[in-house]
Amino acid sequence: MTSNLKQFTTRAFARPGVKKAYDDLGEEFAFLDEVLKARTEAGLTQAEVAARVGTTQSAIARLESAQPRHSPSIATLQRYAKALGYRVRIRFVKDDQRLTTRSSGRTAANTAVRRSA
């Protein structure tokens, strides 16, 4: 299995634009890993989290997915985190590789959401 995945990855990354597209999603996937890790550490199923949050299991599944058309609000993330015994911390982390200058001379920063105990 691992060699098949390795072969697939090698072939896919050889295609123009695939590696860049994959790298561009890195922060999103890191965030989703944190979300899933928190739920796993809490020992809860999606249905159990949904009951604590007051929503449906399918809504929790959407929150935990990489669906590009779903972007949960900060309030939703806070309710989800609270149900797991966590809180949400949002920080701006300077990314020296992606600085963009606006006409006012300010630089854009990336947002990183991290779970905290």
PDB file of N, CA and C in Angstrom:
ATOM      1  N   MET A   1       0.829  -1.196   0.000  1.00  0.00           N
ATOM      2  CA  MET A   1       0.000   0.000   0.000  1.00  0.00           C
ATOM      3  C   MET A   1       0.867   1.251   0.000  1.00  0.00           C
ATOM      4  N   THR A   2       1.869   1.282   0.861  1.00  0.00           N
ATOM      5  CA  THR A   2       2.712   2.468   0.957  1.00  0.00           C
ATOM      6  C   THR A   2       3.414   2.745  -0.360  1.00  0.00           C
ATOM      7  N   SER A   3       3.894   1.692  -1.030  1.00  0.00           N
ATOM      8  CA  SER A   3       4.589   1.932  -2.292  1.00  0.00           C
ATOM      9  C   SER A   3       3.625   2.435  -3.357  1.00  0.00           C
ATOM     10  N   ASN A   4       2.365   1.973  -3.337  1.00  0.00           N
ATOM     11  CA  ASN A   4       1.373   2.482  -4.282  1.00  0.00           C
ATOM     12  C   ASN A   4       1.105   3.962  -4.043  1.00  0.00           C
ATOM     13  N   LEU A   5       0.999   4.340  -2.774  1.00  0.00           N
ATOM     14  CA  LEU A   5       0.788   5.747  -2.437  1.00  0.00           C
ATOM     15  C   LEU A   5       2.000   6.572  -2.848  1.00  0.00           C
ATOM     16  N   LYS A   6       3.171   6.038  -2.594  1.00  0.00           N
ATOM     17  CA  LYS A   6       4.403   6.736  -2.961  1.00  0.00           C
ATOM     18  C   LYS A   6       4.495   6.925  -4.477  1.00  0.00           C
ATOM     19  N   GLN A   7       4.144   5.896  -5.223  1.00  0.00           N
ATOM     20  CA  GLN A   7       4.163   5.976  -6.690  1.00  0.00           C
ATOM     21  C   GLN A   7       3.137   6.995  -7.178  1.00  0.00           C
ATOM     22  N   PHE A   8       1.946   6.943  -6.600  1.00  0.00           N
ATOM     23  CA  PHE A   8       0.905   7.890  -6.983  1.00  0.00           C
ATOM     24  C   PHE A   8       1.361   9.319  -6.720  1.00  0.00           C
ATOM     25  N   THR A   9       1.910   9.542  -5.514  1.00  0.00           N
ATOM     26  CA  THR A   9       2.363  10.878  -5.131  1.00  0.00           C
ATOM     27  C   THR A   9       3.455  11.371  -6.064  1.00  0.00           C
ATOM     28  N   THR A  10       4.397  10.508  -6.381  1.00  0.00           N
ATOM     29  CA  THR A  10       5.486  10.888  -7.286  1.00  0.00           C
ATOM     30  C   THR A  10       4.933  11.274  -8.657  1.00  0.00           C
ATOM     31  N   ARG A  11       4.018  10.472  -9.188  1.00  0.00           N
ATOM     32  CA  ARG A  11       3.423  10.784 -10.504  1.00  0.00           C
ATOM     33  C   ARG A  11       2.598  12.065 -10.444  1.00  0.00           C
ATOM     34  N   ALA A  12       1.811  12.220  -9.379  1.00  0.00           N
ATOM     35  CA  ALA A  12       0.952  13.403  -9.271  1.00  0.00           C
ATOM     36  C   ALA A  12       1.778  14.673  -9.167  1.00  0.00           C
ATOM     37  N   PHE A  13       2.819  14.657  -8.320  1.00  0.00           N
ATOM     38  CA  PHE A  13       3.642  15.852  -8.128  1.00  0.00           C
ATOM     39  C   PHE A  13       4.464  16.190  -9.354  1.00  0.00           C
ATOM     40  N   ALA A  14       4.634  15.251 -10.264  1.00  0.00           N
ATOM     41  CA  ALA A  14       5.356  15.521 -11.507  1.00  0.00           C
ATOM     42  C   ALA A  14       4.504  16.339 -12.477  1.00  0.00           C
ATOM     43  N   ARG A  15       3.206  16.347 -12.269  1.00  0.00           N
ATOM     44  CA  ARG A  15       2.298  17.110 -13.131  1.00  0.00           C
ATOM     45  C   ARG A  15       2.381  18.587 -12.772  1.00  0.00           C
ATOM     46  N   PRO A  16       2.372  19.452 -13.779  1.00  0.00           N
ATOM     47  CA  PRO A  16       2.467  20.897 -13.522  1.00  0.00           C
ATOM     48  C   PRO A  16       1.327  21.381 -12.617  1.00  0.00           C
ATOM     49  N   GLY A  17       1.693  22.108 -11.603  1.00  0.00           N
ATOM     50  CA  GLY A  17       0.715  22.727 -10.731  1.00  0.00           C
ATOM     51  C   GLY A  17       0.214  21.883  -9.573  1.00  0.00           C
ATOM     52  N   VAL A  18       0.388  20.575  -9.625  1.00  0.00           N
ATOM     53  CA  VAL A  18      -0.152  19.713  -8.574  1.00  0.00           C
ATOM     54  C   VAL A  18       0.571  19.941  -7.252  1.00  0.00           C
ATOM     55  N   LYS A  19       1.881  19.989  -7.269  1.00  0.00           N
ATOM     56  CA  LYS A  19       2.657  20.191  -6.039  1.00  0.00           C
ATOM     57  C   LYS A  19       2.311  21.538  -5.416  1.00  0.00           C
ATOM     58  N   LYS A  20       2.193  22.572  -6.226  1.00  0.00           N
ATOM     59  CA  LYS A  20       1.854  23.902  -5.701  1.00  0.00           C
ATOM     60  C   LYS A  20       0.449  23.889  -5.088  1.00  0.00           C
ATOM     61  N   ALA A  21      -0.496  23.271  -5.767  1.00  0.00           N
ATOM     62  CA  ALA A  21      -1.860  23.201  -5.242  1.00  0.00           C
ATOM     63  C   ALA A  21      -1.887  22.443  -3.917  1.00  0.00           C
ATOM     64  N   TYR A  22      -1.123  21.366  -3.839  1.00  0.00           N
ATOM     65  CA  TYR A  22      -1.030  20.587  -2.603  1.00  0.00           C
ATOM     66  C   TYR A  22      -0.426  21.437  -1.487  1.00  0.00           C
ATOM     67  N   ASP A  23       0.672  22.113  -1.782  1.00  0.00           N
ATOM     68  CA  ASP A  23       1.332  22.955  -0.784  1.00  0.00           C
ATOM     69  C   ASP A  23       0.431  24.101  -0.324  1.00  0.00           C
ATOM     70  N   ASP A  24      -0.365  24.650  -1.252  1.00  0.00           N
ATOM     71  CA  ASP A  24      -1.264  25.748  -0.916  1.00  0.00           C
ATOM     72  C   ASP A  24      -2.338  25.324   0.092  1.00  0.00           C
ATOM     73  N   LEU A  25      -2.646  24.028   0.146  1.00  0.00           N
ATOM     74  CA  LEU A  25      -3.655  23.526   1.073  1.00  0.00           C
ATOM     75  C   LEU A  25      -3.049  23.076   2.404  1.00  0.00           C
ATOM     76  N   GLY A  26      -1.758  23.225   2.556  1.00  0.00           N
ATOM     77  CA  GLY A  26      -1.062  22.742   3.744  1.00  0.00           C
ATOM     78  C   GLY A  26      -1.628  23.268   5.045  1.00  0.00           C
ATOM     79  N   GLU A  27      -1.891  24.558   5.134  1.00  0.00           N
ATOM     80  CA  GLU A  27      -2.410  25.142   6.369  1.00  0.00           C
ATOM     81  C   GLU A  27      -3.817  24.648   6.673  1.00  0.00           C
ATOM     82  N   GLU A  28      -4.619  24.486   5.637  1.00  0.00           N
ATOM     83  CA  GLU A  28      -5.983  23.993   5.843  1.00  0.00           C
ATOM     84  C   GLU A  28      -5.957  22.569   6.381  1.00  0.00           C
ATOM     85  N   PHE A  29      -5.098  21.729   5.791  1.00  0.00           N
ATOM     86  CA  PHE A  29      -5.014  20.349   6.260  1.00  0.00           C
ATOM     87  C   PHE A  29      -4.422  20.281   7.664  1.00  0.00           C
ATOM     88  N   ALA A  30      -3.498  21.148   7.998  1.00  0.00           N
ATOM     89  CA  ALA A  30      -2.936  21.190   9.353  1.00  0.00           C
ATOM     90  C   ALA A  30      -4.036  21.556  10.355  1.00  0.00           C
ATOM     91  N   PHE A  31      -4.886  22.501   9.980  1.00  0.00           N
ATOM     92  CA  PHE A  31      -6.004  22.879  10.838  1.00  0.00           C
ATOM     93  C   PHE A  31      -6.954  21.697  11.041  1.00  0.00           C
ATOM     94  N   LEU A  32      -7.302  21.015   9.946  1.00  0.00           N
ATOM     95  CA  LEU A  32      -8.206  19.867  10.052  1.00  0.00           C
ATOM     96  C   LEU A  32      -7.596  18.763  10.907  1.00  0.00           C
ATOM     97  N   ASP A  33      -6.285  18.564  10.796  1.00  0.00           N
ATOM     98  CA  ASP A  33      -5.607  17.580  11.659  1.00  0.00           C
ATOM     99  C   ASP A  33      -5.778  17.940  13.125  1.00  0.00           C
ATOM    100  N   GLU A  34      -5.665  19.230  13.443  1.00  0.00           N
ATOM    101  CA  GLU A  34      -5.845  19.685  14.828  1.00  0.00           C
ATOM    102  C   GLU A  34      -7.268  19.424  15.307  1.00  0.00           C
ATOM    103  N   VAL A  35      -8.243  19.686  14.458  1.00  0.00           N
ATOM    104  CA  VAL A  35      -9.648  19.477  14.808  1.00  0.00           C
ATOM    105  C   VAL A  35      -9.892  17.997  15.100  1.00  0.00           C
ATOM    106  N   LEU A  36      -9.426  17.140  14.199  1.00  0.00           N
ATOM    107  CA  LEU A  36      -9.644  15.700  14.376  1.00  0.00           C
ATOM    108  C   LEU A  36      -8.860  15.148  15.570  1.00  0.00           C
ATOM    109  N   LYS A  37      -7.666  15.655  15.779  1.00  0.00           N
ATOM    110  CA  LYS A  37      -6.857  15.221  16.920  1.00  0.00           C
ATOM    111  C   LYS A  37      -7.559  15.583  18.234  1.00  0.00           C
ATOM    112  N   ALA A  38      -8.140  16.766  18.298  1.00  0.00           N
ATOM    113  CA  ALA A  38      -8.845  17.204  19.512  1.00  0.00           C
ATOM    114  C   ALA A  38     -10.026  16.287  19.796  1.00  0.00           C
ATOM    115  N   ARG A  39     -10.788  15.949  18.764  1.00  0.00           N
ATOM    116  CA  ARG A  39     -11.953  15.070  18.980  1.00  0.00           C
ATOM    117  C   ARG A  39     -11.505  13.667  19.387  1.00  0.00           C
ATOM    118  N   THR A  40     -10.438  13.187  18.759  1.00  0.00           N
ATOM    119  CA  THR A  40      -9.915  11.865  19.109  1.00  0.00           C
ATOM    120  C   THR A  40      -9.438  11.840  20.557  1.00  0.00           C
ATOM    121  N   GLU A  41      -8.713  12.880  20.962  1.00  0.00           N
ATOM    122  CA  GLU A  41      -8.221  12.950  22.343  1.00  0.00           C
ATOM    123  C   GLU A  41      -9.369  13.062  23.339  1.00  0.00           C
ATOM    124  N   ALA A  42     -10.470  13.680  22.914  1.00  0.00           N
ATOM    125  CA  ALA A  42     -11.639  13.792  23.793  1.00  0.00           C
ATOM    126  C   ALA A  42     -12.406  12.469  23.845  1.00  0.00           C
ATOM    127  N   GLY A  43     -12.112  11.565  22.917  1.00  0.00           N
ATOM    128  CA  GLY A  43     -12.767  10.255  22.900  1.00  0.00           C
ATOM    129  C   GLY A  43     -14.227  10.311  22.507  1.00  0.00           C
ATOM    130  N   LEU A  44     -14.585  11.271  21.655  1.00  0.00           N
ATOM    131  CA  LEU A  44     -15.982  11.458  21.265  1.00  0.00           C
ATOM    132  C   LEU A  44     -16.198  11.134  19.789  1.00  0.00           C
ATOM    133  N   THR A  45     -17.389  10.653  19.488  1.00  0.00           N
ATOM    134  CA  THR A  45     -17.784  10.464  18.095  1.00  0.00           C
ATOM    135  C   THR A  45     -18.358  11.779  17.567  1.00  0.00           C
ATOM    136  N   GLN A  46     -18.546  11.850  16.256  1.00  0.00           N
ATOM    137  CA  GLN A  46     -19.179  13.031  15.675  1.00  0.00           C
ATOM    138  C   GLN A  46     -20.588  13.219  16.249  1.00  0.00           C
ATOM    139  N   ALA A  47     -21.304  12.133  16.424  1.00  0.00           N
ATOM    140  CA  ALA A  47     -22.669  12.211  16.961  1.00  0.00           C
ATOM    141  C   ALA A  47     -22.668  12.756  18.389  1.00  0.00           C
ATOM    142  N   GLU A  48     -21.691  12.334  19.195  1.00  0.00           N
ATOM    143  CA  GLU A  48     -21.612  12.822  20.572  1.00  0.00           C
ATOM    144  C   GLU A  48     -21.266  14.310  20.617  1.00  0.00           C
ATOM    145  N   VAL A  49     -20.373  14.738  19.747  1.00  0.00           N
ATOM    146  CA  VAL A  49     -20.033  16.170  19.681  1.00  0.00           C
ATOM    147  C   VAL A  49     -21.255  16.952  19.228  1.00  0.00           C
ATOM    148  N   ALA A  50     -21.948  16.424  18.231  1.00  0.00           N
ATOM    149  CA  ALA A  50     -23.141  17.097  17.713  1.00  0.00           C
ATOM    150  C   ALA A  50     -24.174  17.297  18.823  1.00  0.00           C
ATOM    151  N   ALA A  51     -24.375  16.282  19.645  1.00  0.00           N
ATOM    152  CA  ALA A  51     -25.339  16.396  20.748  1.00  0.00           C
ATOM    153  C   ALA A  51     -24.910  17.481  21.729  1.00  0.00           C
ATOM    154  N   ARG A  52     -23.625  17.570  22.010  1.00  0.00           N
ATOM    155  CA  ARG A  52     -23.127  18.583  22.944  1.00  0.00           C
ATOM    156  C   ARG A  52     -23.230  19.996  22.371  1.00  0.00           C
ATOM    157  N   VAL A  53     -23.037  20.096  21.053  1.00  0.00           N
ATOM    158  CA  VAL A  53     -23.080  21.405  20.390  1.00  0.00           C
ATOM    159  C   VAL A  53     -24.521  21.826  20.099  1.00  0.00           C
ATOM    160  N   GLY A  54     -25.399  20.841  19.966  1.00  0.00           N
ATOM    161  CA  GLY A  54     -26.792  21.141  19.624  1.00  0.00           C
ATOM    162  C   GLY A  54     -26.998  21.216  18.126  1.00  0.00           C
ATOM    163  N   THR A  55     -26.339  20.327  17.418  1.00  0.00           N
ATOM    164  CA  THR A  55     -26.460  20.289  15.964  1.00  0.00           C
ATOM    165  C   THR A  55     -26.545  18.830  15.518  1.00  0.00           C
ATOM    166  N   THR A  56     -26.393  18.598  14.248  1.00  0.00           N
ATOM    167  CA  THR A  56     -26.473  17.234  13.720  1.00  0.00           C
ATOM    168  C   THR A  56     -25.086  16.655  13.466  1.00  0.00           C
ATOM    169  N   GLN A  57     -25.029  15.342  13.385  1.00  0.00           N
ATOM    170  CA  GLN A  57     -23.771  14.664  13.080  1.00  0.00           C
ATOM    171  C   GLN A  57     -23.261  15.091  11.712  1.00  0.00           C
ATOM    172  N   SER A  58     -24.162  15.289  10.757  1.00  0.00           N
ATOM    173  CA  SER A  58     -23.721  15.688   9.409  1.00  0.00           C
ATOM    174  C   SER A  58     -23.094  17.083   9.425  1.00  0.00           C
ATOM    175  N   ALA A  59     -23.574  17.971  10.299  1.00  0.00           N
ATOM    176  CA  ALA A  59     -22.972  19.304  10.412  1.00  0.00           C
ATOM    177  C   ALA A  59     -21.549  19.188  10.962  1.00  0.00           C
ATOM    178  N   ILE A  60     -21.335  18.296  11.916  1.00  0.00           N
ATOM    179  CA  ILE A  60     -19.993  18.074  12.461  1.00  0.00           C
ATOM    180  C   ILE A  60     -19.100  17.455  11.387  1.00  0.00           C
ATOM    181  N   ALA A  61     -19.637  16.542  10.608  1.00  0.00           N
ATOM    182  CA  ALA A  61     -18.864  15.929   9.517  1.00  0.00           C
ATOM    183  C   ALA A  61     -18.416  16.989   8.519  1.00  0.00           C
ATOM    184  N   ARG A  62     -19.302  17.938   8.194  1.00  0.00           N
ATOM    185  CA  ARG A  62     -18.925  19.021   7.272  1.00  0.00           C
ATOM    186  C   ARG A  62     -17.828  19.892   7.874  1.00  0.00           C
ATOM    187  N   LEU A  63     -17.939  20.187   9.174  1.00  0.00           N
ATOM    188  CA  LEU A  63     -16.929  21.004   9.841  1.00  0.00           C
ATOM    189  C   LEU A  63     -15.562  20.316   9.795  1.00  0.00           C
ATOM    190  N   GLU A  64     -15.558  18.993   9.928  1.00  0.00           N
ATOM    191  CA  GLU A  64     -14.313  18.236   9.960  1.00  0.00           C
ATOM    192  C   GLU A  64     -13.795  17.851   8.575  1.00  0.00           C
ATOM    193  N   SER A  65     -14.480  18.259   7.546  1.00  0.00           N
ATOM    194  CA  SER A  65     -14.078  17.880   6.186  1.00  0.00           C
ATOM    195  C   SER A  65     -13.314  19.011   5.515  1.00  0.00           C
ATOM    196  N   ALA A  66     -12.706  18.673   4.407  1.00  0.00           N
ATOM    197  CA  ALA A  66     -11.951  19.659   3.630  1.00  0.00           C
ATOM    198  C   ALA A  66     -12.803  20.227   2.508  1.00  0.00           C
ATOM    199  N   GLN A  67     -14.107  20.259   2.698  1.00  0.00           N
ATOM    200  CA  GLN A  67     -15.011  20.786   1.679  1.00  0.00           C
ATOM    201  C   GLN A  67     -14.746  22.272   1.477  1.00  0.00           C
ATOM    202  N   PRO A  68     -14.384  22.678   0.268  1.00  0.00           N
ATOM    203  CA  PRO A  68     -14.072  24.093   0.033  1.00  0.00           C
ATOM    204  C   PRO A  68     -15.273  25.015   0.168  1.00  0.00           C
ATOM    205  N   ARG A  69     -16.470  24.502   0.080  1.00  0.00           N
ATOM    206  CA  ARG A  69     -17.642  25.378   0.150  1.00  0.00           C
ATOM    207  C   ARG A  69     -18.147  25.565   1.578  1.00  0.00           C
ATOM    208  N   HIS A  70     -17.445  24.973   2.550  1.00  0.00           N
ATOM    209  CA  HIS A  70     -17.866  25.111   3.944  1.00  0.00           C
ATOM    210  C   HIS A  70     -16.771  25.811   4.728  1.00  0.00           C
ATOM    211  N   SER A  71     -17.129  26.945   5.298  1.00  0.00           N
ATOM    212  CA  SER A  71     -16.188  27.703   6.108  1.00  0.00           C
ATOM    213  C   SER A  71     -16.889  28.064   7.412  1.00  0.00           C
ATOM    214  N   PRO A  72     -16.622  27.304   8.485  1.00  0.00           N
ATOM    215  CA  PRO A  72     -17.348  27.545   9.728  1.00  0.00           C
ATOM    216  C   PRO A  72     -17.007  28.898  10.345  1.00  0.00           C
ATOM    217  N   SER A  73     -17.963  29.471  11.026  1.00  0.00           N
ATOM    218  CA  SER A  73     -17.738  30.745  11.703  1.00  0.00           C
ATOM    219  C   SER A  73     -16.882  30.515  12.951  1.00  0.00           C
ATOM    220  N   ILE A  74     -16.349  31.589  13.471  1.00  0.00           N
ATOM    221  CA  ILE A  74     -15.565  31.498  14.709  1.00  0.00           C
ATOM    222  C   ILE A  74     -16.470  31.003  15.837  1.00  0.00           C
ATOM    223  N   ALA A  75     -17.703  31.461  15.877  1.00  0.00           N
ATOM    224  CA  ALA A  75     -18.637  31.026  16.917  1.00  0.00           C
ATOM    225  C   ALA A  75     -18.871  29.513  16.843  1.00  0.00           C
ATOM    226  N   THR A  76     -18.997  28.981  15.647  1.00  0.00           N
ATOM    227  CA  THR A  76     -19.179  27.538  15.472  1.00  0.00           C
ATOM    228  C   THR A  76     -17.949  26.785  15.954  1.00  0.00           C
ATOM    229  N   LEU A  77     -16.779  27.278  15.597  1.00  0.00           N
ATOM    230  CA  LEU A  77     -15.536  26.640  16.052  1.00  0.00           C
ATOM    231  C   LEU A  77     -15.426  26.686  17.572  1.00  0.00           C
ATOM    232  N   GLN A  78     -15.866  27.785  18.162  1.00  0.00           N
ATOM    233  CA  GLN A  78     -15.819  27.910  19.616  1.00  0.00           C
ATOM    234  C   GLN A  78     -16.761  26.909  20.292  1.00  0.00           C
ATOM    235  N   ARG A  79     -17.951  26.744  19.742  1.00  0.00           N
ATOM    236  CA  ARG A  79     -18.897  25.759  20.312  1.00  0.00           C
ATOM    237  C   ARG A  79     -18.346  24.346  20.169  1.00  0.00           C
ATOM    238  N   TYR A  80     -17.764  24.049  19.018  1.00  0.00           N
ATOM    239  CA  TYR A  80     -17.158  22.734  18.776  1.00  0.00           C
ATOM    240  C   TYR A  80     -16.034  22.492  19.781  1.00  0.00           C
ATOM    241  N   ALA A  81     -15.135  23.448  19.929  1.00  0.00           N
ATOM    242  CA  ALA A  81     -14.000  23.308  20.849  1.00  0.00           C
ATOM    243  C   ALA A  81     -14.489  23.127  22.283  1.00  0.00           C
ATOM    244  N   LYS A  82     -15.470  23.912  22.691  1.00  0.00           N
ATOM    245  CA  LYS A  82     -15.996  23.822  24.055  1.00  0.00           C
ATOM    246  C   LYS A  82     -16.577  22.434  24.318  1.00  0.00           C
ATOM    247  N   ALA A  83     -17.248  21.862  23.330  1.00  0.00           N
ATOM    248  CA  ALA A  83     -17.822  20.523  23.475  1.00  0.00           C
ATOM    249  C   ALA A  83     -16.745  19.467  23.704  1.00  0.00           C
ATOM    250  N   LEU A  84     -15.531  19.753  23.261  1.00  0.00           N
ATOM    251  CA  LEU A  84     -14.407  18.819  23.418  1.00  0.00           C
ATOM    252  C   LEU A  84     -13.555  19.130  24.644  1.00  0.00           C
ATOM    253  N   GLY A  85     -13.857  20.228  25.308  1.00  0.00           N
ATOM    254  CA  GLY A  85     -13.048  20.639  26.443  1.00  0.00           C
ATOM    255  C   GLY A  85     -11.845  21.475  26.037  1.00  0.00           C
ATOM    256  N   TYR A  86     -11.952  22.146  24.908  1.00  0.00           N
ATOM    257  CA  TYR A  86     -10.884  23.007  24.383  1.00  0.00           C
ATOM    258  C   TYR A  86     -11.426  24.424  24.221  1.00  0.00           C
ATOM    259  N   ARG A  87     -10.562  25.309  23.808  1.00  0.00           N
ATOM    260  CA  ARG A  87     -10.972  26.644  23.385  1.00  0.00           C
ATOM    261  C   ARG A  87     -10.199  26.967  22.118  1.00  0.00           C
ATOM    262  N   VAL A  88     -10.720  27.878  21.342  1.00  0.00           N
ATOM    263  CA  VAL A  88     -10.097  28.276  20.076  1.00  0.00           C
ATOM    264  C   VAL A  88      -9.199  29.472  20.337  1.00  0.00           C
ATOM    265  N   ARG A  89      -8.020  29.437  19.770  1.00  0.00           N
ATOM    266  CA  ARG A  89      -7.116  30.581  19.833  1.00  0.00           C
ATOM    267  C   ARG A  89      -6.752  30.925  18.389  1.00  0.00           C
ATOM    268  N   ILE A  90      -6.966  32.165  18.015  1.00  0.00           N
ATOM    269  CA  ILE A  90      -6.649  32.613  16.661  1.00  0.00           C
ATOM    270  C   ILE A  90      -5.464  33.554  16.748  1.00  0.00           C
ATOM    271  N   ARG A  91      -4.473  33.299  15.932  1.00  0.00           N
ATOM    272  CA  ARG A  91      -3.267  34.124  15.923  1.00  0.00           C
ATOM    273  C   ARG A  91      -2.894  34.458  14.491  1.00  0.00           C
ATOM    274  N   PHE A  92      -2.319  35.616  14.312  1.00  0.00           N
ATOM    275  CA  PHE A  92      -1.728  35.978  13.033  1.00  0.00           C
ATOM    276  C   PHE A  92      -0.245  35.640  13.130  1.00  0.00           C
ATOM    277  N   VAL A  93       0.223  34.852  12.182  1.00  0.00           N
ATOM    278  CA  VAL A  93       1.610  34.415  12.175  1.00  0.00           C
ATOM    279  C   VAL A  93       2.260  34.955  10.909  1.00  0.00           C
ATOM    280  N   LYS A  94       3.294  35.743  11.088  1.00  0.00           N
ATOM    281  CA  LYS A  94       3.967  36.349   9.944  1.00  0.00           C
ATOM    282  C   LYS A  94       4.593  35.265   9.074  1.00  0.00           C
ATOM    283  N   ASP A  95       4.351  35.357   7.793  1.00  0.00           N
ATOM    284  CA  ASP A  95       4.884  34.403   6.823  1.00  0.00           C
ATOM    285  C   ASP A  95       5.841  35.155   5.919  1.00  0.00           C
ATOM    286  N   ASP A  96       7.111  35.078   6.203  1.00  0.00           N
ATOM    287  CA  ASP A  96       8.122  35.820   5.459  1.00  0.00           C
ATOM    288  C   ASP A  96       8.169  35.459   3.980  1.00  0.00           C
ATOM    289  N   GLN A  97       7.715  34.273   3.620  1.00  0.00           N
ATOM    290  CA  GLN A  97       7.770  33.848   2.228  1.00  0.00           C
ATOM    291  C   GLN A  97       6.618  34.386   1.400  1.00  0.00           C
ATOM    292  N   ARG A  98       5.565  34.846   2.044  1.00  0.00           N
ATOM    293  CA  ARG A  98       4.378  35.280   1.303  1.00  0.00           C
ATOM    294  C   ARG A  98       4.003  36.723   1.582  1.00  0.00           C
ATOM    295  N   LEU A  99       4.941  37.541   1.877  1.00  0.00           N
ATOM    296  CA  LEU A  99       4.633  38.934   2.166  1.00  0.00           C
ATOM    297  C   LEU A  99       4.133  39.634   0.915  1.00  0.00           C
ATOM    298  N   THR A 100       3.075  40.372   1.089  1.00  0.00           N
ATOM    299  CA  THR A 100       2.567  41.195  -0.002  1.00  0.00           C
ATOM    300  C   THR A 100       2.416  42.607   0.523  1.00  0.00           C
ATOM    301  N   THR A 101       2.844  43.560  -0.228  1.00  0.00           N
ATOM    302  CA  THR A 101       2.792  44.946   0.213  1.00  0.00           C
ATOM    303  C   THR A 101       1.579  45.617  -0.400  1.00  0.00           C
ATOM    304  N   ARG A 102       0.837  46.302   0.452  1.00  0.00           N
ATOM    305  CA  ARG A 102      -0.298  47.084  -0.017  1.00  0.00           C
ATOM    306  C   ARG A 102       0.189  48.506  -0.275  1.00  0.00           C
ATOM    307  N   SER A 103      -0.633  49.276  -0.871  1.00  0.00           N
ATOM    308  CA  SER A 103      -0.243  50.643  -1.195  1.00  0.00           C
ATOM    309  C   SER A 103       0.089  51.460   0.052  1.00  0.00           C
ATOM    310  N   SER A 104      -0.472  51.066   1.205  1.00  0.00           N
ATOM    311  CA  SER A 104      -0.204  51.806   2.436  1.00  0.00           C
ATOM    312  C   SER A 104       1.116  51.393   3.082  1.00  0.00           C
ATOM    313  N   GLY A 105       1.780  50.412   2.494  1.00  0.00           N
ATOM    314  CA  GLY A 105       3.049  49.959   3.047  1.00  0.00           C
ATOM    315  C   GLY A 105       2.899  48.871   4.089  1.00  0.00           C
ATOM    316  N   ARG A 106       1.665  48.431   4.377  1.00  0.00           N
ATOM    317  CA  ARG A 106       1.445  47.360   5.339  1.00  0.00           C
ATOM    318  C   ARG A 106       1.685  46.018   4.664  1.00  0.00           C
ATOM    319  N   THR A 107       1.908  45.004   5.474  1.00  0.00           N
ATOM    320  CA  THR A 107       2.070  43.653   4.932  1.00  0.00           C
ATOM    321  C   THR A 107       0.911  42.784   5.361  1.00  0.00           C
ATOM    322  N   ALA A 108       0.579  41.803   4.544  1.00  0.00           N
ATOM    323  CA  ALA A 108      -0.493  40.867   4.866  1.00  0.00           C
ATOM    324  C   ALA A 108       0.080  39.745   5.714  1.00  0.00           C
ATOM    325  N   ALA A 109      -0.721  39.283   6.652  1.00  0.00           N
ATOM    326  CA  ALA A 109      -0.297  38.163   7.509  1.00  0.00           C
ATOM    327  C   ALA A 109      -1.263  37.014   7.327  1.00  0.00           C
ATOM    328  N   ASN A 110      -0.780  35.812   7.561  1.00  0.00           N
ATOM    329  CA  ASN A 110      -1.643  34.619   7.492  1.00  0.00           C
ATOM    330  C   ASN A 110      -2.251  34.350   8.857  1.00  0.00           C
ATOM    331  N   THR A 111      -3.370  33.678   8.837  1.00  0.00           N
ATOM    332  CA  THR A 111      -4.055  33.337  10.074  1.00  0.00           C
ATOM    333  C   THR A 111      -3.793  31.881  10.386  1.00  0.00           C
ATOM    334  N   ALA A 112      -3.477  31.599  11.607  1.00  0.00           N
ATOM    335  CA  ALA A 112      -3.322  30.217  12.056  1.00  0.00           C
ATOM    336  C   ALA A 112      -4.257  29.999  13.233  1.00  0.00           C
ATOM    337  N   VAL A 113      -5.026  28.950  13.161  1.00  0.00           N
ATOM    338  CA  VAL A 113      -5.907  28.616  14.254  1.00  0.00           C
ATOM    339  C   VAL A 113      -5.298  27.402  14.933  1.00  0.00           C
ATOM    340  N   ARG A 114      -5.088  27.514  16.199  1.00  0.00           N
ATOM    341  CA  ARG A 114      -4.487  26.411  16.948  1.00  0.00           C
ATOM    342  C   ARG A 114      -5.374  26.079  18.127  1.00  0.00           C
ATOM    343  N   ARG A 115      -5.418  24.842  18.430  1.00  0.00           N
ATOM    344  CA  ARG A 115      -6.162  24.456  19.617  1.00  0.00           C
ATOM    345  C   ARG A 115      -5.275  24.689  20.815  1.00  0.00           C
ATOM    346  N   SER A 116      -5.856  24.948  21.909  1.00  0.00           N
ATOM    347  CA  SER A 116      -5.086  25.104  23.133  1.00  0.00           C
ATOM    348  C   SER A 116      -5.885  24.501  24.279  1.00  0.00           C
ATOM    349  N   ALA A 117      -5.163  23.958  25.197  1.00  0.00           N
ATOM    350  CA  ALA A 117      -5.820  23.275  26.313  1.00  0.00           C
ATOM    351  C   ALA A 117      -6.368  24.267  27.313  1.00  0.00           C
TER     352      ALA A 117
END
